[in-house]
Protein backbone atom coordinates (compact mmCIF):
# COMPACT_ATOMS: atom_id res chain seq x y z
CA MET A 1 -0.21 -0.19 0.01
CA LYS A 2 2.80 2.22 0.80
CA LYS A 3 4.51 1.61 -2.48
CA PHE A 4 1.13 2.49 -4.38
CA LEU A 5 0.83 5.62 -2.49
CA LYS A 6 4.39 6.58 -3.01
CA ASN A 7 3.91 5.75 -6.92
CA LEU A 8 0.65 7.68 -6.78
CA LYS A 9 2.39 10.80 -5.33
CA LYS A 10 4.97 10.72 -7.92
CA TYR A 11 2.78 10.43 -10.82
CA LEU A 12 0.66 13.24 -9.48
CA ILE A 13 3.60 15.46 -9.27
CA ILE A 14 4.61 14.59 -12.82
CA PHE A 15 1.15 15.32 -13.92
CA VAL A 16 0.79 18.62 -12.21
CA ILE A 17 4.27 19.49 -13.54
CA THR A 18 3.42 18.60 -17.00
CA LEU A 19 0.23 20.48 -16.72
CA ILE A 20 1.56 23.57 -15.62
CA PHE A 21 4.05 23.29 -18.62
CA LEU A 22 1.32 22.78 -20.99
CA GLU A 23 -0.33 25.78 -19.61
CA ILE A 24 2.56 28.12 -19.68
CA GLY A 25 3.44 26.82 -23.27
CA SER A 26 -0.17 27.37 -24.57
CA TYR A 27 -0.29 30.77 -22.94
CA LEU A 28 2.97 31.84 -24.88
CA VAL A 29 1.86 30.16 -28.19
CA LEU A 30 -1.66 31.90 -27.89
CA ARG A 31 -0.17 35.24 -27.01
CA PHE A 32 2.51 34.94 -29.94
CA THR A 33 -0.23 34.20 -32.37
CA GLY A 34 -2.55 36.95 -31.34
CA SER A 35 -5.23 34.74 -29.74
CA SER A 36 -4.84 35.50 -25.99
CA SER A 37 -6.46 38.42 -24.28
CA SER A 38 -3.18 40.58 -25.15
CA LYS A 39 -2.65 42.92 -28.22
CA THR A 40 0.26 40.90 -29.92
CA THR A 41 1.65 40.44 -33.34
CA GLU A 42 2.78 37.27 -34.90
CA THR A 43 5.84 37.23 -37.24
CA ASN A 44 7.37 34.33 -38.81
CA THR A 45 9.11 33.81 -42.26
CA SER A 46 5.77 33.64 -44.12
CA TYR A 47 3.68 36.61 -42.51
CA THR A 48 2.70 38.92 -40.03
CA HIS A 49 -0.63 38.44 -38.13
CA ILE A 50 -1.98 41.48 -36.50
CA PRO A 51 -5.59 40.79 -35.09
CA LEU A 52 -8.27 43.41 -35.47
CA THR A 53 -9.54 44.50 -32.01
CA ILE A 54 -12.17 46.80 -33.10
CA TYR A 55 -15.10 46.49 -30.60
CA LYS A 56 -15.90 47.76 -27.23
CA LYS A 57 -16.40 45.25 -24.42
CA GLN A 58 -19.58 46.07 -22.55
CA THR A 59 -19.74 43.50 -19.80
CA GLU A 60 -17.30 41.96 -17.37
CA SER A 61 -17.85 38.50 -18.84
CA GLY A 62 -17.40 39.77 -22.29
CA ALA A 63 -21.44 38.95 -23.33
CA ILE A 64 -22.61 41.31 -26.07
CA GLN A 65 -25.38 43.96 -25.14
CA THR A 66 -26.72 45.38 -28.34
CA VAL A 67 -27.28 48.98 -28.51
CA LYS A 68 -29.72 50.88 -30.78
CA THR A 69 -27.20 53.21 -32.32
CA ALA A 70 -24.74 50.81 -33.34
CA VAL A 71 -25.93 47.08 -32.83
CA VAL A 72 -22.47 46.05 -31.32
CA PRO A 73 -20.59 49.31 -30.16
CA VAL A 74 -17.21 49.94 -32.09
CA LYS A 75 -14.36 51.85 -30.68
CA GLU A 76 -14.41 55.50 -31.85
CA ASN A 77 -11.58 57.15 -33.49
CA TYR A 78 -9.84 54.02 -33.29
CA SER A 79 -6.71 53.35 -35.58
CA SER A 80 -4.77 50.09 -36.04
CA ARG A 81 -3.11 47.76 -38.72
CA TRP A 82 -4.71 44.66 -39.50
CA ALA A 83 -2.65 42.07 -41.28
CA TYR A 84 -2.77 38.31 -42.29
CA ARG A 85 -1.20 36.21 -45.05
CA GLU A 86 -2.82 37.91 -48.08
CA PHE A 87 -3.10 41.48 -46.64
CA ASN A 88 -1.84 44.17 -44.52
CA VAL A 89 -4.07 47.18 -44.06
CA SER A 90 -5.02 50.31 -42.05
CA VAL A 91 -8.32 50.27 -40.05
CA LYS A 92 -9.54 53.44 -38.72
CA THR A 93 -13.06 54.47 -37.32
CA ASN A 94 -14.62 58.09 -37.05
CA ALA A 95 -16.29 59.64 -34.21
CA LYS A 96 -19.40 57.42 -34.77
CA GLY A 97 -17.18 54.00 -34.73
CA LEU A 98 -17.74 53.84 -38.38
CA ARG A 99 -14.81 52.83 -40.84
CA GLU A 100 -15.16 55.94 -42.56
CA ASN A 101 -13.02 59.03 -43.02
CA THR A 102 -15.94 61.34 -43.15
CA THR A 103 -18.46 61.59 -40.43
CA TYR A 104 -22.23 62.25 -41.40
CA ASP A 105 -25.19 62.62 -39.01
CA ASN A 106 -27.86 59.97 -40.01
CA LYS A 107 -30.02 62.48 -41.28
CA ASP A 108 -27.48 63.93 -43.86
CA VAL A 109 -26.68 60.30 -45.42
CA GLN A 110 -27.99 59.91 -48.76
CA VAL A 111 -26.52 56.54 -49.38
CA ALA A 112 -26.34 53.79 -46.57
CA PHE A 113 -24.35 50.69 -47.04
CA PHE A 114 -25.02 47.90 -44.63
CA GLY A 115 -23.14 44.32 -44.51
CA ASP A 116 -20.67 41.84 -43.10
CA SER A 117 -17.05 41.67 -43.67
CA PHE A 118 -17.31 42.08 -47.41
CA THR A 119 -18.97 45.50 -46.92
CA PHE A 120 -16.76 46.47 -44.15
CA GLY A 121 -13.79 45.82 -46.31
CA HIS A 122 -12.18 42.82 -45.06
CA GLY A 123 -8.45 42.68 -46.39
CA VAL A 124 -8.67 45.88 -48.19
CA GLU A 125 -8.05 49.61 -47.48
CA VAL A 126 -10.94 51.58 -46.89
CA GLU A 127 -10.86 53.70 -50.16
CA GLU A 128 -10.72 50.25 -51.81
CA ARG A 129 -14.11 49.07 -50.44
CA TYR A 130 -16.97 48.86 -53.19
CA SER A 131 -18.73 51.42 -51.13
CA ASN A 132 -15.95 54.02 -51.59
CA VAL A 133 -15.73 53.21 -55.16
CA PHE A 134 -19.25 53.72 -55.58
CA ALA A 135 -18.94 56.95 -53.76
CA ASP A 136 -16.20 58.35 -56.17
CA SER A 137 -18.09 56.92 -59.29
CA LEU A 138 -21.02 59.13 -58.28
CA GLN A 139 -19.88 62.02 -56.23
CA ASN A 140 -22.90 63.78 -55.73
CA TYR A 141 -24.04 61.86 -52.64
CA ASN A 142 -23.16 61.70 -49.10
CA VAL A 143 -22.42 57.94 -48.56
CA ALA A 144 -21.91 56.33 -45.17
CA ASN A 145 -20.87 52.54 -44.68
CA TYR A 146 -22.35 51.06 -41.44
CA ALA A 147 -21.20 47.47 -42.00
CA TYR A 148 -19.70 45.20 -39.34
CA LEU A 149 -17.17 42.39 -38.84
CA SER A 150 -18.05 38.73 -37.51
CA GLY A 151 -21.48 37.27 -37.98
CA PHE A 152 -23.75 40.00 -39.00
CA GLN A 153 -26.69 39.54 -41.13
CA PRO A 154 -29.95 41.29 -42.36
CA GLU A 155 -32.07 41.14 -38.97
CA HIS A 156 -29.01 43.22 -37.51
CA TYR A 157 -29.47 45.98 -40.16
CA GLU A 158 -33.18 45.84 -40.05
CA TYR A 159 -32.83 46.21 -36.10
CA PHE A 160 -30.51 49.28 -36.74
CA VAL A 161 -32.80 50.96 -39.40
CA ARG A 162 -35.79 50.47 -37.12
CA ASN A 163 -34.26 52.25 -34.05
CA ASN A 164 -32.49 55.17 -36.20
CA THR A 165 -35.64 57.10 -37.29
CA ASP A 166 -33.54 59.94 -38.30
CA LEU A 167 -31.86 57.77 -41.09
CA ARG A 168 -33.78 58.50 -44.22
CA PRO A 169 -31.42 57.99 -47.37
CA LYS A 170 -32.35 58.00 -50.84
CA HIS A 171 -30.76 54.49 -51.23
CA VAL A 172 -29.96 51.74 -48.89
CA ILE A 173 -27.56 49.24 -50.02
CA VAL A 174 -27.19 45.72 -48.45
CA GLY A 175 -24.31 43.52 -48.97
CA MET A 176 -25.68 39.81 -48.95
CA TYR A 177 -23.05 37.31 -48.70
CA ILE A 178 -24.80 34.01 -49.77
CA GLY A 179 -22.36 31.73 -47.79
CA ASN A 180 -23.68 32.40 -44.35
CA ASP A 181 -26.19 35.34 -44.41
CA MET A 182 -28.91 32.80 -44.54
CA SER A 183 -28.14 30.31 -42.21
CA SER A 184 -25.13 30.04 -39.69
CA ASP A 185 -25.24 33.79 -38.95
CA VAL A 186 -28.86 33.86 -38.42
CA LEU A 187 -28.87 30.90 -36.13
CA GLU A 188 -26.81 32.87 -34.05
CA THR A 189 -29.00 35.75 -33.46
CA ASN A 190 -32.27 36.21 -31.54
CA TYR A 191 -34.30 38.79 -32.98
CA ASP A 192 -37.97 39.70 -31.66
CA ARG A 193 -39.20 41.95 -34.65
CA ALA A 194 -42.38 42.73 -32.82
CA ALA A 195 -40.52 44.12 -29.45
CA ASN A 196 -37.57 44.97 -31.79
CA THR A 197 -35.03 43.46 -29.39
CA LEU A 198 -31.90 41.43 -30.71
CA GLU A 199 -29.50 39.62 -28.82
CA ILE A 200 -26.30 37.72 -29.96
CA PRO A 201 -25.77 35.21 -27.07
CA LEU A 202 -23.31 32.90 -28.71
CA ARG A 203 -20.60 35.51 -29.39
CA MET A 204 -18.66 37.55 -26.82
CA ILE A 205 -16.14 40.23 -26.90
CA SER A 206 -12.49 39.85 -25.38
CA ASP A 207 -10.75 42.54 -23.34
CA ASP A 208 -8.80 43.82 -26.45
CA GLY A 209 -11.90 44.02 -28.66
CA SER A 210 -12.15 40.83 -30.82
CA ILE A 211 -15.39 39.00 -31.28
CA TYR A 212 -15.01 35.20 -30.25
CA ASN A 213 -17.29 32.27 -29.50
CA ALA A 214 -19.14 32.06 -26.27
CA PRO A 215 -18.17 29.24 -24.06
CA LYS A 216 -21.48 27.53 -23.98
CA LEU A 217 -21.12 26.96 -27.70
CA TYR A 218 -18.56 23.90 -26.96
CA VAL A 219 -19.28 20.46 -25.77
CA PHE A 220 -18.51 19.22 -22.46
CA PRO A 221 -16.12 19.55 -20.92
CA ILE A 222 -14.61 22.10 -23.43
CA ASN A 223 -17.45 24.59 -22.40
CA LYS A 224 -16.00 24.41 -18.79
CA LEU A 225 -12.29 24.33 -19.24
CA ILE A 226 -11.92 27.03 -21.90
CA LYS A 227 -12.89 29.69 -19.51
CA TYR A 228 -9.73 28.69 -17.37
CA SER A 229 -7.24 26.51 -19.44
CA TYR A 230 -4.79 28.27 -22.13
CA PHE A 231 -4.20 24.63 -23.15
CA THR A 232 -7.99 24.12 -23.92
CA LYS A 233 -7.92 27.27 -25.67
CA LEU A 234 -4.92 26.27 -27.90
CA VAL A 235 -6.59 22.87 -28.60
CA VAL A 236 -9.75 24.55 -29.72
CA LYS A 237 -8.10 26.94 -32.01
CA THR A 238 -6.25 24.18 -33.73
CA VAL A 239 -8.97 21.76 -34.16
CA ASN A 240 -11.20 24.66 -35.35
CA ARG A 241 -9.06 25.24 -38.43
CA THR A 242 -9.48 21.49 -39.41
CA HIS A 243 -12.25 19.54 -41.02
CA TYR A 244 -13.10 18.23 -37.24
CA ARG A 245 -14.16 21.78 -36.12
CA ASP A 246 -17.85 20.40 -35.76
CA MET A 247 -16.63 18.09 -32.93
CA LEU A 248 -16.00 21.03 -31.06
CA PHE A 249 -19.45 22.48 -30.89
CA GLU A 250 -22.85 21.33 -29.07
CA ASN A 251 -25.56 22.35 -31.40
CA LEU A 252 -24.38 25.00 -33.73
CA LEU A 253 -21.30 25.23 -35.82
CA PRO A 254 -20.53 28.88 -36.11
CA ASN A 255 -19.49 30.75 -39.31
CA ALA A 256 -20.34 27.41 -41.07
CA PRO A 257 -20.88 27.08 -44.79
CA ASN A 258 -24.58 26.44 -46.02
CA SER A 259 -26.10 23.11 -45.70
CA VAL A 260 -25.98 20.78 -48.60
CA ALA A 261 -29.80 21.44 -49.17
CA LEU A 262 -29.38 25.13 -48.97
CA GLU A 263 -26.31 25.24 -51.12
CA THR A 264 -27.85 23.25 -53.99
CA GLY A 265 -31.22 24.89 -54.07
CA LYS A 266 -33.46 22.47 -52.27
CA GLU A 267 -34.43 24.43 -49.12
CA ASP A 268 -37.66 26.60 -49.34
CA LEU A 269 -36.54 30.36 -48.77
CA THR A 270 -39.96 31.49 -48.29
CA GLU A 271 -39.48 31.74 -44.57
CA ASN A 272 -35.80 32.21 -44.43
CA ARG A 273 -35.18 34.74 -41.77
CA GLY A 274 -32.66 36.59 -43.79
CA ILE A 275 -34.97 36.90 -46.74
CA VAL A 276 -37.73 38.03 -44.35
CA ALA A 277 -35.47 40.68 -42.95
CA LEU A 278 -34.83 42.19 -46.58
CA GLN A 279 -38.60 42.28 -47.10
CA GLU A 280 -38.86 44.15 -44.06
CA LEU A 281 -36.01 46.50 -44.75
CA ASP A 282 -37.46 47.09 -48.24
CA LYS A 283 -40.98 48.26 -46.69
CA ILE A 284 -39.10 50.48 -44.09
CA VAL A 285 -36.98 52.15 -46.62
CA LYS A 286 -39.96 52.70 -49.02
CA GLU A 287 -41.77 54.20 -46.23
CA ARG A 288 -38.74 56.72 -45.51
CA GLY A 289 -38.97 57.57 -49.11
CA GLY A 290 -35.86 55.66 -50.27
CA LYS A 291 -35.03 52.51 -52.26
CA LEU A 292 -33.22 49.15 -51.25
CA THR A 293 -30.89 47.61 -53.25
CA VAL A 294 -29.13 44.20 -52.49
CA VAL A 295 -25.85 43.51 -53.65
CA LEU A 296 -25.60 39.72 -53.80
CA ILE A 297 -22.20 38.27 -52.89
CA PRO A 298 -21.35 34.95 -54.41
CA GLN A 299 -18.88 32.42 -52.80
CA ASN A 300 -15.40 32.20 -54.28
CA TYR A 301 -16.10 28.47 -55.55
CA PHE A 302 -17.85 29.99 -58.36
CA PHE A 303 -14.72 31.22 -59.71
CA SER A 304 -11.80 29.15 -58.33
CA LYS A 305 -11.24 25.68 -56.82
CA LYS A 306 -8.73 27.46 -54.36
CA ASN A 307 -9.96 26.94 -50.63
CA PRO A 308 -13.71 26.97 -51.71
CA HIS A 309 -16.12 28.20 -48.91
CA ILE A 310 -18.60 25.53 -49.38
CA HIS A 311 -19.79 22.31 -47.38
CA ASP A 312 -17.22 19.40 -47.23
CA GLU A 313 -19.53 17.06 -48.99
CA LEU A 314 -19.62 19.35 -52.06
CA LYS A 315 -15.86 20.29 -52.71
CA ASP A 316 -15.65 17.49 -54.98
CA LYS A 317 -18.97 18.64 -56.95
CA LEU A 318 -18.14 22.30 -57.55
CA GLN A 319 -19.30 22.23 -61.29
CA GLU A 320 -22.28 20.27 -60.42
CA VAL A 321 -23.39 22.82 -58.01
CA ILE A 322 -22.61 25.69 -60.19
CA ASN A 323 -24.57 24.15 -63.21
CA GLY A 324 -27.36 23.10 -60.86
CA ASP A 325 -30.21 24.90 -59.12
CA ASN A 326 -27.98 26.42 -56.36
CA SER A 327 -28.45 28.81 -53.33
CA TYR A 328 -27.33 31.80 -55.63
CA LYS A 329 -30.13 31.14 -57.99
CA ALA A 330 -32.52 30.41 -55.36
CA ILE A 331 -32.10 33.88 -53.55
CA LYS A 332 -32.32 35.58 -56.97
CA ARG A 333 -35.80 34.02 -57.60
CA GLN A 334 -36.96 35.02 -54.19
CA LEU A 335 -35.97 38.68 -54.32
CA THR A 336 -37.50 38.98 -57.57
CA THR A 337 -40.85 37.20 -56.21
CA PHE A 338 -40.80 40.07 -53.43
CA HIS A 339 -39.99 42.70 -56.07
CA ILE A 340 -36.60 43.90 -54.08
CA ASP A 341 -34.28 45.17 -56.31
CA TYR A 342 -30.76 43.51 -56.46
CA LEU A 343 -27.44 43.85 -58.08
CA ASP A 344 -26.03 40.56 -59.48
CA PRO A 345 -22.14 41.07 -59.83
CA MET A 346 -21.41 37.68 -61.14
CA PRO A 347 -20.81 38.96 -64.67
CA VAL A 348 -18.17 41.29 -63.63
CA LEU A 349 -16.23 39.14 -61.30
CA ASP A 350 -13.60 36.33 -61.85
CA GLU A 351 -11.16 34.27 -60.22
CA SER A 352 -8.57 37.07 -59.58
CA SER A 353 -11.43 39.09 -57.79
CA TYR A 354 -10.87 37.27 -54.67
CA PHE A 355 -7.64 36.37 -52.41
CA ASP A 356 -6.20 33.01 -53.30
CA GLU A 357 -6.63 31.63 -49.60
CA ASP A 358 -9.06 33.95 -48.29
CA ALA A 359 -12.92 33.65 -49.35
CA HIS A 360 -13.21 37.49 -49.58
CA TRP A 361 -12.90 39.95 -52.56
CA ASN A 362 -9.37 41.60 -53.12
CA LYS A 363 -8.95 45.33 -54.29
CA LYS A 364 -9.72 44.35 -57.81
CA GLY A 365 -13.00 42.51 -56.69
CA HIS A 366 -14.29 45.53 -54.77
CA LYS A 367 -13.50 47.93 -57.66
CA GLN A 368 -15.59 45.63 -60.10
CA VAL A 369 -18.31 45.45 -57.99
CA GLY A 370 -18.15 49.25 -56.67
CA GLU A 371 -18.17 50.17 -60.67
CA ALA A 372 -21.13 47.89 -61.43
CA LEU A 373 -23.29 49.10 -58.57
CA ALA A 374 -22.78 52.93 -59.42
CA LYS A 375 -24.06 51.85 -63.17
CA HIS A 376 -26.66 50.05 -61.74
CA ILE A 377 -27.83 53.04 -59.37
CA LYS A 378 -27.35 55.42 -62.20
CA ALA A 379 -29.43 53.44 -64.69
CA MET A 380 -32.33 53.40 -62.04
CA GLN A 381 -32.29 56.95 -62.02
CA GLU A 382 -32.46 57.76 -65.65
């Protein structure tokens, strides 16, 4: 018995020491790669990684509390670099927390842009965004871009417009990314249209201003350990970049590609929450004397097989999806049915319009879409 206790004590000591080293090592790795709560820079032979820490933490726990003036508050007069493998850009916000060089009161905005990372300008400079290209092409408008990063979709824009009655632009432009604006981003949101209350319970804001997944998204025991263990955080970060990421989550896979049914046009979109929100937005904008146009944003797989943003089961069937009755064609039919104006940028885009690894438009893609949108709006006015 004494020998057993002696061995047990020895193994416990080894276990504790190993655990301490794992925690220290994991903390250093996370800090080095910009994923701890500290502002950090990752530098190696291939790239520099500077995370974007743009949001304002509102609660001690990091839980998001939406506000009527901004949905999720952004740091005002903020300035930083944002870099990854394929880009290194400047991000600055104005006195209202918008990524704009000019600050307009809502009542003075003539064209309002809404959207997620594409419209925000993921990976491009502010003047290279399609909203700015549009503004430069039609210089007689006060243009404001109200876009956000990380999981925003039409219900969020509807919430904002309903709460900002002084916003009465001639035109509202909504960037609609077909890859997740009708599915995973919607599932992360609780929106009560009648009460006009919106919650984002499955996302949190870190101390430095990054949006990350709430612990309750993860399976047990990860959902408990991730709050306290750097090693668990490192494991989650690593696995989350693989095909096994779905094993980490309980009931919802955040930022997931569309389901096979949705991607192949087999899902009924009549009651799709993203589409319903666009209908509601269309009504509100018309009541205020304006016009809504939806900019459809196709996934990169339509143009390239490089890192396609599509369900794993469909990655070997890209041409079949493209030629078939896909989600892009389905949403065009729905918008036509509801008489909602839209821009289909597919004819002006090509493989070189997207980053090679990243699923977003590069500078060229934004220029192509911005110019096409300017022609579209100008034609509507003639």
